[in-house]
Amino acid sequence: MLGLEWYLQQTGWTTEQFGYIAFAETFDRIVERLRVRLQALANQGAYGIVAHSLGGLLTRAALGLGSLELPKHIVLLGTPNQPPRLAPYAWRVAPFRWWTGQCGFNLTNQAFFASLPGIESPYTIVAGTGGPRGFSSPFGDELNDGIVALSETRLSKHDQIVQLPVMHTFMMNDSSVQKTVGQAFGLED
């Protein structure tokens, strides 16, 4: 997220990153730490959130825990708001299980997704479309970012998803993604 952070700082925003290590903490522990941090930010005034992938799910869970002042806007970058089709396959691979722990298991669990709260703040979903498609792709002909399919980013049937030709892991470093984040926060025309 350093490239995106630099971009936002150049436009005058104060930024802060929230870190976690999925193999060292449970999902619930990470969510509680995030809730505490968001409360501290809310106490300082208006704030926004940019979350990548699992970070969007952590954000949804943290905002649903209590009476937090809501962010002015949330940008979800490649967040699987629906169960990602690749998660059950990845979960069968031991290094994925070790590296992702409870967070990785949650991605395989329909009940987990059903339990997540929606988003009450205005939000923007950015989905990558630079992933493989066709006969040999696990996504078939569906647009995807190599990890998450376009349809898996949808939170509501009314979402207008911003589609950009980027891959999942480093989408936040792409200038078109950065410009889209800036537009969501009113920094760009």
Protein backbone atom coordinates (compact mmCIF):
# COMPACT_ATOMS: atom_id res chain seq x y z
CA MET A 1 0.00 0.00 0.00
CA LEU A 2 3.04 2.30 0.04
CA GLY A 3 2.48 3.63 -3.49
CA LEU A 4 -1.14 4.47 -2.79
CA GLU A 5 -0.19 5.99 0.54
CA TRP A 6 2.40 8.21 -1.17
CA TYR A 7 -0.17 9.26 -3.79
CA LEU A 8 -2.71 10.23 -1.10
CA GLN A 9 -0.08 12.10 0.90
CA GLN A 10 0.92 14.06 -2.23
CA THR A 11 -2.68 15.23 -2.53
CA GLY A 12 -2.66 16.49 1.05
CA TRP A 13 -4.13 13.59 2.98
CA THR A 14 -2.77 12.25 6.23
CA THR A 15 -2.55 8.49 5.96
CA GLU A 16 -2.04 5.57 8.27
CA GLN A 17 -1.67 1.88 7.53
CA PHE A 18 -3.21 -0.84 9.66
CA GLY A 19 -1.13 -3.99 9.70
CA TYR A 20 -1.94 -7.55 10.61
CA ILE A 21 -0.38 -10.97 10.26
CA ALA A 22 -3.09 -13.53 9.59
CA PHE A 23 -1.11 -16.53 10.84
CA ALA A 24 -0.31 -14.85 14.16
CA GLU A 25 -3.79 -13.56 15.11
CA THR A 26 -7.36 -14.74 14.81
CA PHE A 27 -9.76 -12.86 12.58
CA ASP A 28 -11.67 -11.70 15.66
CA ARG A 29 -8.53 -10.35 17.34
CA ILE A 30 -7.56 -8.41 14.21
CA VAL A 31 -11.10 -7.02 13.94
CA GLU A 32 -11.02 -5.86 17.56
CA ARG A 33 -7.67 -4.09 17.07
CA LEU A 34 -9.07 -2.44 13.94
CA ARG A 35 -12.22 -1.35 15.77
CA VAL A 36 -10.11 0.30 18.49
CA ARG A 37 -8.02 2.08 15.84
CA LEU A 38 -11.08 3.26 13.92
CA GLN A 39 -12.57 4.61 17.14
CA ALA A 40 -9.39 6.58 17.76
CA LEU A 41 -9.51 7.96 14.21
CA ALA A 42 -13.18 8.86 14.55
CA ASN A 43 -12.38 10.75 17.76
CA GLN A 44 -9.99 12.93 15.73
CA GLY A 45 -12.58 13.86 13.10
CA ALA A 46 -13.72 12.75 9.68
CA TYR A 47 -11.87 9.84 8.12
CA GLY A 48 -12.01 7.47 5.17
CA ILE A 49 -10.85 3.92 4.58
CA VAL A 50 -9.12 2.24 1.66
CA ALA A 51 -9.03 -1.53 2.16
CA HIS A 52 -7.48 -4.18 -0.04
CA SER A 53 -8.82 -7.74 -0.29
CA LEU A 54 -9.25 -9.28 3.19
CA GLY A 55 -8.85 -5.78 4.62
CA GLY A 56 -12.31 -4.95 3.29
CA LEU A 57 -13.82 -7.88 5.20
CA LEU A 58 -11.96 -6.86 8.35
CA THR A 59 -13.31 -3.33 7.87
CA ARG A 60 -16.89 -4.52 7.46
CA ALA A 61 -16.60 -6.66 10.60
CA ALA A 62 -14.99 -3.88 12.67
CA LEU A 63 -17.55 -1.26 11.67
CA GLY A 64 -20.32 -3.68 12.61
CA LEU A 65 -19.08 -4.14 16.19
CA GLY A 66 -20.46 -1.05 17.77
CA SER A 67 -21.32 2.57 17.75
CA LEU A 68 -18.40 3.93 15.75
CA GLU A 69 -18.58 7.18 13.88
CA LEU A 70 -18.73 5.91 10.34
CA PRO A 71 -16.10 6.81 7.75
CA LYS A 72 -17.05 9.41 5.16
CA HIS A 73 -16.22 6.95 2.39
CA ILE A 74 -14.80 3.43 2.02
CA VAL A 75 -12.93 2.13 -1.02
CA LEU A 76 -12.72 -1.64 -1.36
CA LEU A 77 -9.91 -2.82 -3.64
CA GLY A 78 -10.40 -6.41 -4.79
CA THR A 79 -12.36 -7.35 -1.69
CA PRO A 80 -14.25 -10.63 -2.02
CA ASN A 81 -17.66 -9.62 -0.68
CA GLN A 82 -18.94 -13.03 -1.81
CA PRO A 83 -17.18 -16.35 -1.12
CA PRO A 84 -14.25 -16.50 -3.56
CA ARG A 85 -14.30 -19.65 -5.68
CA LEU A 86 -10.55 -20.17 -5.31
CA ALA A 87 -10.57 -20.21 -1.48
CA PRO A 88 -11.65 -23.86 -1.00
CA TYR A 89 -8.88 -24.98 -3.36
CA ALA A 90 -6.29 -22.79 -1.66
CA TRP A 91 -7.38 -24.07 1.76
CA ARG A 92 -6.36 -27.59 0.70
CA VAL A 93 -2.74 -26.41 0.34
CA ALA A 94 -0.88 -26.57 3.65
CA PRO A 95 1.17 -23.33 3.25
CA PHE A 96 -2.03 -21.37 2.57
CA ARG A 97 -3.61 -22.80 5.75
CA TRP A 98 -0.51 -21.99 7.82
CA TRP A 99 -0.11 -18.51 6.38
CA THR A 100 -3.76 -17.44 6.58
CA GLY A 101 -5.12 -19.28 9.65
CA GLN A 102 -8.67 -18.44 10.64
CA CYS A 103 -8.78 -15.61 8.09
CA GLY A 104 -8.15 -18.05 5.25
CA PHE A 105 -10.68 -20.53 6.57
CA ASN A 106 -13.30 -17.78 6.76
CA LEU A 107 -12.91 -17.23 3.02
CA THR A 108 -14.15 -20.79 2.44
CA ASN A 109 -17.19 -20.42 4.68
CA GLN A 110 -20.55 -19.22 3.30
CA ALA A 111 -21.85 -18.69 6.86
CA PHE A 112 -18.97 -16.31 7.54
CA PHE A 113 -19.93 -14.12 4.57
CA ALA A 114 -23.60 -14.24 5.58
CA SER A 115 -22.67 -13.01 9.07
CA LEU A 116 -20.76 -9.93 7.88
CA PRO A 117 -22.57 -6.62 8.18
CA GLY A 118 -23.16 -4.48 5.13
CA ILE A 119 -21.63 -1.04 4.74
CA GLU A 120 -23.58 2.00 5.89
CA SER A 121 -21.09 4.59 4.61
CA PRO A 122 -20.83 5.56 0.95
CA TYR A 123 -18.44 3.15 -0.72
CA THR A 124 -16.66 2.41 -3.96
CA ILE A 125 -15.72 -1.08 -5.11
CA VAL A 126 -12.73 -1.44 -7.43
CA ALA A 127 -12.37 -4.80 -9.17
CA GLY A 128 -9.44 -5.92 -11.25
CA THR A 129 -10.09 -7.42 -14.67
CA GLY A 130 -6.52 -8.30 -15.67
CA GLY A 131 -6.71 -11.96 -14.68
CA PRO A 132 -6.71 -14.99 -16.95
CA ARG A 133 -9.85 -15.96 -18.81
CA GLY A 134 -10.79 -18.80 -21.09
CA PHE A 135 -10.83 -22.55 -21.13
CA SER A 136 -7.90 -23.10 -18.76
CA SER A 137 -8.90 -20.38 -16.27
CA PRO A 138 -10.73 -21.30 -13.06
CA PHE A 139 -12.88 -18.24 -13.80
CA GLY A 140 -13.90 -19.39 -17.28
CA ASP A 141 -14.73 -16.28 -19.29
CA GLU A 142 -15.62 -14.19 -16.23
CA LEU A 143 -13.63 -11.03 -15.59
CA ASN A 144 -11.27 -11.42 -12.63
CA ASP A 145 -8.07 -10.12 -11.08
CA GLY A 146 -6.36 -13.51 -10.88
CA ILE A 147 -7.65 -14.15 -7.34
CA VAL A 148 -11.16 -12.68 -7.11
CA ALA A 149 -13.83 -12.71 -9.83
CA LEU A 150 -15.70 -9.53 -10.66
CA SER A 151 -18.97 -11.04 -9.38
CA GLU A 152 -17.32 -11.90 -6.06
CA THR A 153 -16.60 -8.22 -5.32
CA ARG A 154 -20.28 -7.28 -5.44
CA LEU A 155 -21.83 -6.31 -2.10
CA SER A 156 -25.25 -5.30 -3.41
CA LYS A 157 -27.05 -5.83 -6.69
CA HIS A 158 -27.07 -2.03 -7.02
CA ASP A 159 -23.27 -1.66 -6.92
CA GLN A 160 -21.61 0.18 -9.77
CA ILE A 161 -18.24 -1.56 -9.67
CA VAL A 162 -15.23 0.26 -11.08
CA GLN A 163 -13.46 -2.24 -13.34
CA LEU A 164 -9.80 -1.72 -14.11
CA PRO A 165 -7.37 -3.98 -16.03
CA VAL A 166 -5.19 -4.80 -13.01
CA MET A 167 -4.18 -7.90 -11.06
CA HIS A 168 -5.15 -8.53 -7.45
CA THR A 169 -1.95 -8.46 -5.42
CA PHE A 170 -0.52 -5.12 -6.48
CA MET A 171 -3.59 -3.27 -7.76
CA MET A 172 -3.08 -0.46 -5.28
CA ASN A 173 0.20 0.46 -7.01
CA ASP A 174 -1.49 1.06 -10.36
CA SER A 175 -1.96 4.72 -11.29
CA SER A 176 -5.53 4.13 -12.56
CA VAL A 177 -6.47 2.58 -9.21
CA GLN A 178 -4.84 5.45 -7.34
CA LYS A 179 -6.73 7.98 -9.48
CA THR A 180 -9.98 6.09 -8.81
CA VAL A 181 -9.32 6.23 -5.06
CA GLY A 182 -8.65 9.95 -5.40
CA GLN A 183 -11.94 10.42 -7.28
CA ALA A 184 -13.82 8.51 -4.57
CA PHE A 185 -12.47 10.92 -1.97
CA GLY A 186 -13.04 13.99 -4.16
CA LEU A 187 -9.36 14.57 -4.94
CA GLU A 188 -9.59 14.08 -8.71
CA ASP A 189 -12.07 15.18 -11.35
